[in-house]
Amino acid sequence: MSLLVHVFVYAPDGSRDYLDAPDGVSETAGFERWRTSVWGSPVVRSLGARFFPRLAEDDLYVEADEAGSFLDECALLASHVPLIVAGMDPGRTAEEHTHHLTSKLAHISRAARRAVEAGGGVVIW
């Protein structure tokens, strides 16, 4: 099973409306096991990440007023991909891990930018 990233906005009644991704845009955010092995890993925590580690316990909801900070955290992780990859499952090559991690961070960052533009938030579940 895979984690997915979606953008949401609040409807007038307070419910969340989930926005469709643009055509051709992937919403994958990693494998389910990445909740603890990547996003909630000691390496990611040591970088000062405060959003991604929440995935180790539950789905991650980033509210509209946090979306800019979440986007900054995405950039932080993207700038440390080699360090994060070094702590990942040795069953794959560093190149494979780098490819997967970089692409998932790009998908999440793209969603966070869309959330900021829409005045909404992001959920990874």
N, C-alpha and C. Protein backbone atom coordinates (compact mmCIF):
# COMPACT_ATOMS: atom_id res chain seq x y z
N MET A 1 0.84 -1.17 0.00
CA MET A 1 0.00 0.00 0.00
C MET A 1 0.89 1.24 0.00
N SER A 2 0.43 2.28 -0.64
CA SER A 2 1.20 3.51 -0.74
C SER A 2 0.53 4.65 0.01
N LEU A 3 1.36 5.56 0.49
CA LEU A 3 0.87 6.81 1.05
C LEU A 3 0.52 7.74 -0.09
N LEU A 4 -0.49 8.55 0.11
CA LEU A 4 -0.92 9.52 -0.89
C LEU A 4 -0.92 10.90 -0.27
N VAL A 5 -0.69 11.92 -1.09
CA VAL A 5 -0.75 13.30 -0.66
C VAL A 5 -1.89 14.00 -1.41
N HIS A 6 -2.72 14.73 -0.66
CA HIS A 6 -3.83 15.47 -1.25
C HIS A 6 -3.87 16.88 -0.68
N VAL A 7 -4.43 17.77 -1.45
CA VAL A 7 -4.65 19.15 -1.04
C VAL A 7 -6.12 19.28 -0.64
N PHE A 8 -6.37 20.01 0.44
CA PHE A 8 -7.75 20.25 0.83
C PHE A 8 -7.96 21.72 1.13
N VAL A 9 -9.21 22.13 1.00
CA VAL A 9 -9.66 23.46 1.42
C VAL A 9 -10.91 23.23 2.27
N TYR A 10 -11.23 24.21 3.07
CA TYR A 10 -12.43 24.09 3.89
C TYR A 10 -13.64 24.68 3.17
N ALA A 11 -14.72 23.93 3.18
CA ALA A 11 -15.99 24.38 2.62
C ALA A 11 -16.64 25.34 3.63
N PRO A 12 -17.61 26.10 3.20
CA PRO A 12 -18.29 27.03 4.11
C PRO A 12 -18.87 26.35 5.36
N ASP A 13 -19.24 25.07 5.24
CA ASP A 13 -19.80 24.36 6.40
C ASP A 13 -18.73 23.78 7.31
N GLY A 14 -17.45 24.02 6.98
CA GLY A 14 -16.35 23.55 7.81
C GLY A 14 -15.81 22.18 7.43
N SER A 15 -16.43 21.52 6.48
CA SER A 15 -15.93 20.22 6.03
C SER A 15 -14.75 20.43 5.09
N ARG A 16 -13.95 19.41 4.93
CA ARG A 16 -12.81 19.48 4.01
C ARG A 16 -13.25 19.06 2.61
N ASP A 17 -12.87 19.87 1.64
CA ASP A 17 -13.03 19.51 0.23
C ASP A 17 -11.65 19.16 -0.29
N TYR A 18 -11.51 17.96 -0.83
CA TYR A 18 -10.22 17.50 -1.37
C TYR A 18 -10.16 17.85 -2.84
N LEU A 19 -9.12 18.55 -3.23
CA LEU A 19 -8.97 19.00 -4.61
C LEU A 19 -8.36 17.90 -5.46
N ASP A 20 -8.85 17.79 -6.68
CA ASP A 20 -8.27 16.84 -7.63
C ASP A 20 -6.91 17.35 -8.06
N ALA A 21 -5.98 16.43 -8.21
CA ALA A 21 -4.66 16.79 -8.72
C ALA A 21 -4.78 17.10 -10.21
N PRO A 22 -3.96 18.00 -10.70
CA PRO A 22 -3.96 18.25 -12.15
C PRO A 22 -3.62 16.96 -12.92
N ASP A 23 -4.09 16.89 -14.14
CA ASP A 23 -3.80 15.72 -14.98
C ASP A 23 -2.30 15.48 -15.04
N GLY A 24 -1.93 14.22 -14.91
CA GLY A 24 -0.53 13.83 -15.03
C GLY A 24 0.31 14.05 -13.79
N VAL A 25 -0.31 14.53 -12.70
CA VAL A 25 0.43 14.79 -11.46
C VAL A 25 0.22 13.62 -10.51
N SER A 26 1.31 13.03 -10.06
CA SER A 26 1.24 11.91 -9.14
C SER A 26 0.97 12.40 -7.72
N GLU A 27 0.19 11.63 -6.99
CA GLU A 27 -0.11 11.94 -5.60
C GLU A 27 0.54 10.96 -4.64
N THR A 28 1.47 10.13 -5.13
CA THR A 28 2.11 9.17 -4.25
C THR A 28 3.13 9.87 -3.35
N ALA A 29 3.17 9.40 -2.09
CA ALA A 29 4.04 10.03 -1.09
C ALA A 29 4.94 9.01 -0.39
N GLY A 30 5.09 7.86 -0.99
CA GLY A 30 5.97 6.84 -0.42
C GLY A 30 5.20 5.58 -0.08
N PHE A 31 5.95 4.58 0.33
CA PHE A 31 5.35 3.32 0.73
C PHE A 31 4.81 3.45 2.16
N GLU A 32 3.83 2.66 2.50
CA GLU A 32 3.25 2.69 3.84
C GLU A 32 4.33 2.52 4.92
N ARG A 33 5.28 1.64 4.68
CA ARG A 33 6.33 1.41 5.68
C ARG A 33 7.23 2.63 5.89
N TRP A 34 7.19 3.59 4.95
CA TRP A 34 7.98 4.82 5.09
C TRP A 34 7.50 5.69 6.24
N ARG A 35 6.29 5.44 6.76
CA ARG A 35 5.79 6.22 7.90
C ARG A 35 6.86 6.23 9.01
N THR A 36 7.43 5.06 9.28
CA THR A 36 8.44 4.97 10.34
C THR A 36 9.86 4.88 9.79
N SER A 37 10.03 4.17 8.68
CA SER A 37 11.40 3.92 8.20
C SER A 37 12.04 5.12 7.51
N VAL A 38 11.23 6.06 7.03
CA VAL A 38 11.77 7.25 6.37
C VAL A 38 11.25 8.51 7.05
N TRP A 39 9.95 8.80 6.91
CA TRP A 39 9.41 10.07 7.40
C TRP A 39 9.52 10.22 8.91
N GLY A 40 9.42 9.14 9.63
CA GLY A 40 9.55 9.20 11.09
C GLY A 40 10.87 8.68 11.60
N SER A 41 11.84 8.53 10.70
CA SER A 41 13.14 7.95 11.08
C SER A 41 13.95 8.89 11.98
N PRO A 42 14.89 8.32 12.72
CA PRO A 42 15.78 9.16 13.52
C PRO A 42 16.54 10.20 12.69
N VAL A 43 16.90 9.86 11.46
CA VAL A 43 17.62 10.81 10.61
C VAL A 43 16.76 12.01 10.31
N VAL A 44 15.52 11.79 9.90
CA VAL A 44 14.61 12.89 9.57
C VAL A 44 14.33 13.72 10.82
N ARG A 45 14.15 13.07 11.94
CA ARG A 45 13.93 13.79 13.20
C ARG A 45 15.15 14.63 13.57
N SER A 46 16.34 14.09 13.32
CA SER A 46 17.57 14.80 13.69
C SER A 46 17.77 16.08 12.86
N LEU A 47 17.13 16.15 11.71
CA LEU A 47 17.21 17.35 10.87
C LEU A 47 16.31 18.47 11.39
N GLY A 48 15.51 18.15 12.39
CA GLY A 48 14.60 19.14 12.95
C GLY A 48 13.21 19.11 12.34
N ALA A 49 12.92 18.08 11.56
CA ALA A 49 11.59 17.98 10.94
C ALA A 49 10.54 17.84 12.04
N ARG A 50 9.46 18.57 11.87
CA ARG A 50 8.39 18.48 12.86
C ARG A 50 7.08 17.98 12.26
N PHE A 51 6.94 18.06 10.94
CA PHE A 51 5.72 17.58 10.30
C PHE A 51 5.83 16.10 9.93
N PHE A 52 6.82 15.75 9.12
CA PHE A 52 6.94 14.39 8.61
C PHE A 52 6.96 13.32 9.70
N PRO A 53 7.64 13.53 10.82
CA PRO A 53 7.65 12.48 11.85
C PRO A 53 6.28 12.13 12.41
N ARG A 54 5.30 13.01 12.27
CA ARG A 54 3.95 12.71 12.74
C ARG A 54 3.36 11.50 12.02
N LEU A 55 3.87 11.22 10.80
CA LEU A 55 3.36 10.08 10.03
C LEU A 55 3.65 8.75 10.71
N ALA A 56 4.61 8.72 11.61
CA ALA A 56 4.93 7.49 12.32
C ALA A 56 3.78 7.07 13.24
N GLU A 57 2.94 8.03 13.62
CA GLU A 57 1.85 7.77 14.55
C GLU A 57 0.47 7.78 13.89
N ASP A 58 0.30 8.58 12.84
CA ASP A 58 -1.03 8.77 12.27
C ASP A 58 -0.90 9.44 10.90
N ASP A 59 -2.03 9.71 10.28
CA ASP A 59 -2.02 10.49 9.05
C ASP A 59 -1.57 11.91 9.38
N LEU A 60 -0.99 12.57 8.41
CA LEU A 60 -0.47 13.92 8.62
C LEU A 60 -1.41 14.93 7.98
N TYR A 61 -1.97 15.81 8.80
CA TYR A 61 -2.77 16.92 8.32
C TYR A 61 -1.98 18.20 8.58
N VAL A 62 -1.74 18.96 7.53
CA VAL A 62 -1.05 20.24 7.62
C VAL A 62 -2.09 21.30 7.28
N GLU A 63 -2.40 22.14 8.24
CA GLU A 63 -3.42 23.17 8.03
C GLU A 63 -2.88 24.30 7.16
N ALA A 64 -3.79 25.11 6.65
CA ALA A 64 -3.43 26.18 5.72
C ALA A 64 -2.38 27.12 6.30
N ASP A 65 -2.49 27.44 7.58
CA ASP A 65 -1.53 28.37 8.17
C ASP A 65 -0.16 27.74 8.41
N GLU A 66 -0.05 26.43 8.20
CA GLU A 66 1.23 25.71 8.35
C GLU A 66 1.83 25.30 7.01
N ALA A 67 1.08 25.48 5.93
CA ALA A 67 1.50 24.97 4.61
C ALA A 67 2.83 25.55 4.17
N GLY A 68 3.08 26.83 4.42
CA GLY A 68 4.37 27.43 4.05
C GLY A 68 5.52 26.82 4.82
N SER A 69 5.33 26.58 6.11
CA SER A 69 6.36 25.94 6.93
C SER A 69 6.58 24.50 6.49
N PHE A 70 5.51 23.83 6.10
CA PHE A 70 5.62 22.46 5.61
C PHE A 70 6.43 22.44 4.31
N LEU A 71 6.19 23.40 3.45
CA LEU A 71 6.95 23.50 2.21
C LEU A 71 8.44 23.71 2.51
N ASP A 72 8.74 24.51 3.51
CA ASP A 72 10.14 24.70 3.94
C ASP A 72 10.73 23.38 4.43
N GLU A 73 9.94 22.60 5.15
CA GLU A 73 10.43 21.32 5.64
C GLU A 73 10.69 20.36 4.49
N CYS A 74 9.86 20.40 3.46
CA CYS A 74 10.10 19.58 2.26
C CYS A 74 11.45 19.94 1.65
N ALA A 75 11.73 21.24 1.56
CA ALA A 75 13.01 21.69 1.00
C ALA A 75 14.17 21.25 1.88
N LEU A 76 13.98 21.29 3.19
CA LEU A 76 15.02 20.83 4.11
C LEU A 76 15.36 19.37 3.85
N LEU A 77 14.33 18.53 3.76
CA LEU A 77 14.58 17.11 3.50
C LEU A 77 15.21 16.90 2.13
N ALA A 78 14.74 17.64 1.14
CA ALA A 78 15.30 17.50 -0.21
C ALA A 78 16.78 17.86 -0.23
N SER A 79 17.19 18.76 0.64
CA SER A 79 18.61 19.16 0.68
C SER A 79 19.47 18.14 1.43
N HIS A 80 18.84 17.16 2.05
CA HIS A 80 19.57 16.14 2.81
C HIS A 80 19.27 14.72 2.32
N VAL A 81 18.88 14.58 1.07
CA VAL A 81 18.53 13.26 0.54
C VAL A 81 19.64 12.23 0.76
N PRO A 82 20.91 12.53 0.46
CA PRO A 82 21.95 11.50 0.68
C PRO A 82 22.02 11.01 2.13
N LEU A 83 21.84 11.90 3.08
CA LEU A 83 21.86 11.52 4.49
C LEU A 83 20.67 10.62 4.83
N ILE A 84 19.50 10.97 4.33
CA ILE A 84 18.31 10.16 4.59
C ILE A 84 18.44 8.80 3.92
N VAL A 85 18.92 8.78 2.69
CA VAL A 85 19.09 7.52 1.94
C VAL A 85 20.05 6.58 2.66
N ALA A 86 21.07 7.13 3.28
CA ALA A 86 22.06 6.29 3.99
C ALA A 86 21.42 5.47 5.10
N GLY A 87 20.30 5.93 5.63
CA GLY A 87 19.63 5.20 6.69
C GLY A 87 18.49 4.32 6.22
N MET A 88 18.29 4.21 4.93
CA MET A 88 17.17 3.43 4.40
C MET A 88 17.53 1.97 4.22
N ASP A 89 16.51 1.15 3.97
CA ASP A 89 16.62 -0.29 3.81
C ASP A 89 17.75 -0.68 2.86
N PRO A 90 18.68 -1.51 3.33
CA PRO A 90 19.80 -1.91 2.47
C PRO A 90 19.40 -2.84 1.33
N GLY A 91 18.12 -3.20 1.22
CA GLY A 91 17.66 -4.09 0.16
C GLY A 91 17.62 -3.45 -1.22
N ARG A 92 17.82 -2.15 -1.29
CA ARG A 92 17.85 -1.43 -2.57
C ARG A 92 19.13 -0.63 -2.65
N THR A 93 19.47 -0.23 -3.86
CA THR A 93 20.68 0.56 -4.03
C THR A 93 20.43 2.01 -3.62
N ALA A 94 21.49 2.73 -3.35
CA ALA A 94 21.38 4.14 -3.01
C ALA A 94 20.73 4.91 -4.15
N GLU A 95 21.04 4.53 -5.38
CA GLU A 95 20.45 5.20 -6.53
C GLU A 95 18.94 5.00 -6.57
N GLU A 96 18.49 3.78 -6.29
CA GLU A 96 17.05 3.51 -6.27
C GLU A 96 16.36 4.32 -5.17
N HIS A 97 16.95 4.29 -3.98
CA HIS A 97 16.38 5.06 -2.87
C HIS A 97 16.37 6.55 -3.20
N THR A 98 17.44 7.06 -3.77
CA THR A 98 17.51 8.47 -4.12
C THR A 98 16.41 8.83 -5.11
N HIS A 99 16.23 8.00 -6.12
CA HIS A 99 15.19 8.24 -7.11
C HIS A 99 13.80 8.29 -6.45
N HIS A 100 13.50 7.26 -5.64
CA HIS A 100 12.18 7.19 -5.00
C HIS A 100 11.96 8.36 -4.04
N LEU A 101 12.94 8.62 -3.19
CA LEU A 101 12.78 9.69 -2.20
C LEU A 101 12.66 11.06 -2.87
N THR A 102 13.49 11.31 -3.85
CA THR A 102 13.44 12.59 -4.56
C THR A 102 12.10 12.78 -5.25
N SER A 103 11.60 11.73 -5.89
CA SER A 103 10.32 11.87 -6.60
C SER A 103 9.17 12.06 -5.62
N LYS A 104 9.18 11.36 -4.50
CA LYS A 104 8.09 11.52 -3.53
C LYS A 104 8.14 12.90 -2.89
N LEU A 105 9.32 13.40 -2.58
CA LEU A 105 9.43 14.76 -2.04
C LEU A 105 8.94 15.79 -3.06
N ALA A 106 9.20 15.54 -4.33
CA ALA A 106 8.72 16.45 -5.38
C ALA A 106 7.19 16.44 -5.44
N HIS A 107 6.57 15.26 -5.33
CA HIS A 107 5.11 15.17 -5.34
C HIS A 107 4.52 15.91 -4.14
N ILE A 108 5.12 15.72 -2.98
CA ILE A 108 4.63 16.36 -1.76
C ILE A 108 4.82 17.87 -1.83
N SER A 109 5.97 18.30 -2.31
CA SER A 109 6.25 19.74 -2.44
C SER A 109 5.28 20.39 -3.42
N ARG A 110 5.01 19.70 -4.51
CA ARG A 110 4.07 20.23 -5.50
C ARG A 110 2.69 20.41 -4.86
N ALA A 111 2.27 19.43 -4.07
CA ALA A 111 0.98 19.53 -3.39
C ALA A 111 1.00 20.68 -2.38
N ALA A 112 2.09 20.84 -1.66
CA ALA A 112 2.18 21.93 -0.68
C ALA A 112 2.10 23.29 -1.37
N ARG A 113 2.75 23.43 -2.53
CA ARG A 113 2.65 24.69 -3.28
C ARG A 113 1.21 24.95 -3.73
N ARG A 114 0.54 23.89 -4.19
CA ARG A 114 -0.87 24.04 -4.59
C ARG A 114 -1.72 24.43 -3.40
N ALA A 115 -1.43 23.87 -2.23
CA ALA A 115 -2.18 24.21 -1.02
C ALA A 115 -2.00 25.68 -0.66
N VAL A 116 -0.76 26.16 -0.71
CA VAL A 116 -0.48 27.56 -0.41
C VAL A 116 -1.27 28.46 -1.37
N GLU A 117 -1.24 28.13 -2.65
CA GLU A 117 -1.94 28.92 -3.67
C GLU A 117 -3.45 28.92 -3.45
N ALA A 118 -3.99 27.78 -2.98
CA ALA A 118 -5.43 27.65 -2.80
C ALA A 118 -5.89 28.11 -1.42
N GLY A 119 -4.94 28.44 -0.56
CA GLY A 119 -5.32 28.81 0.81
C GLY A 119 -5.79 27.61 1.61
N GLY A 120 -5.25 26.44 1.25
CA GLY A 120 -5.68 25.20 1.91
C GLY A 120 -4.54 24.49 2.59
N GLY A 121 -4.78 23.24 2.90
CA GLY A 121 -3.81 22.41 3.59
C GLY A 121 -3.46 21.17 2.81
N VAL A 122 -2.68 20.32 3.45
CA VAL A 122 -2.19 19.08 2.84
C VAL A 122 -2.46 17.94 3.80
N VAL A 123 -2.82 16.80 3.24
CA VAL A 123 -2.92 15.58 4.03
C VAL A 123 -2.09 14.51 3.35
N ILE A 124 -1.34 13.77 4.16
CA ILE A 124 -0.66 12.56 3.69
C ILE A 124 -1.26 11.42 4.48
N TRP A 125 -1.80 10.45 3.76
CA TRP A 125 -2.46 9.30 4.38
C TRP A 125 -2.27 8.06 3.58
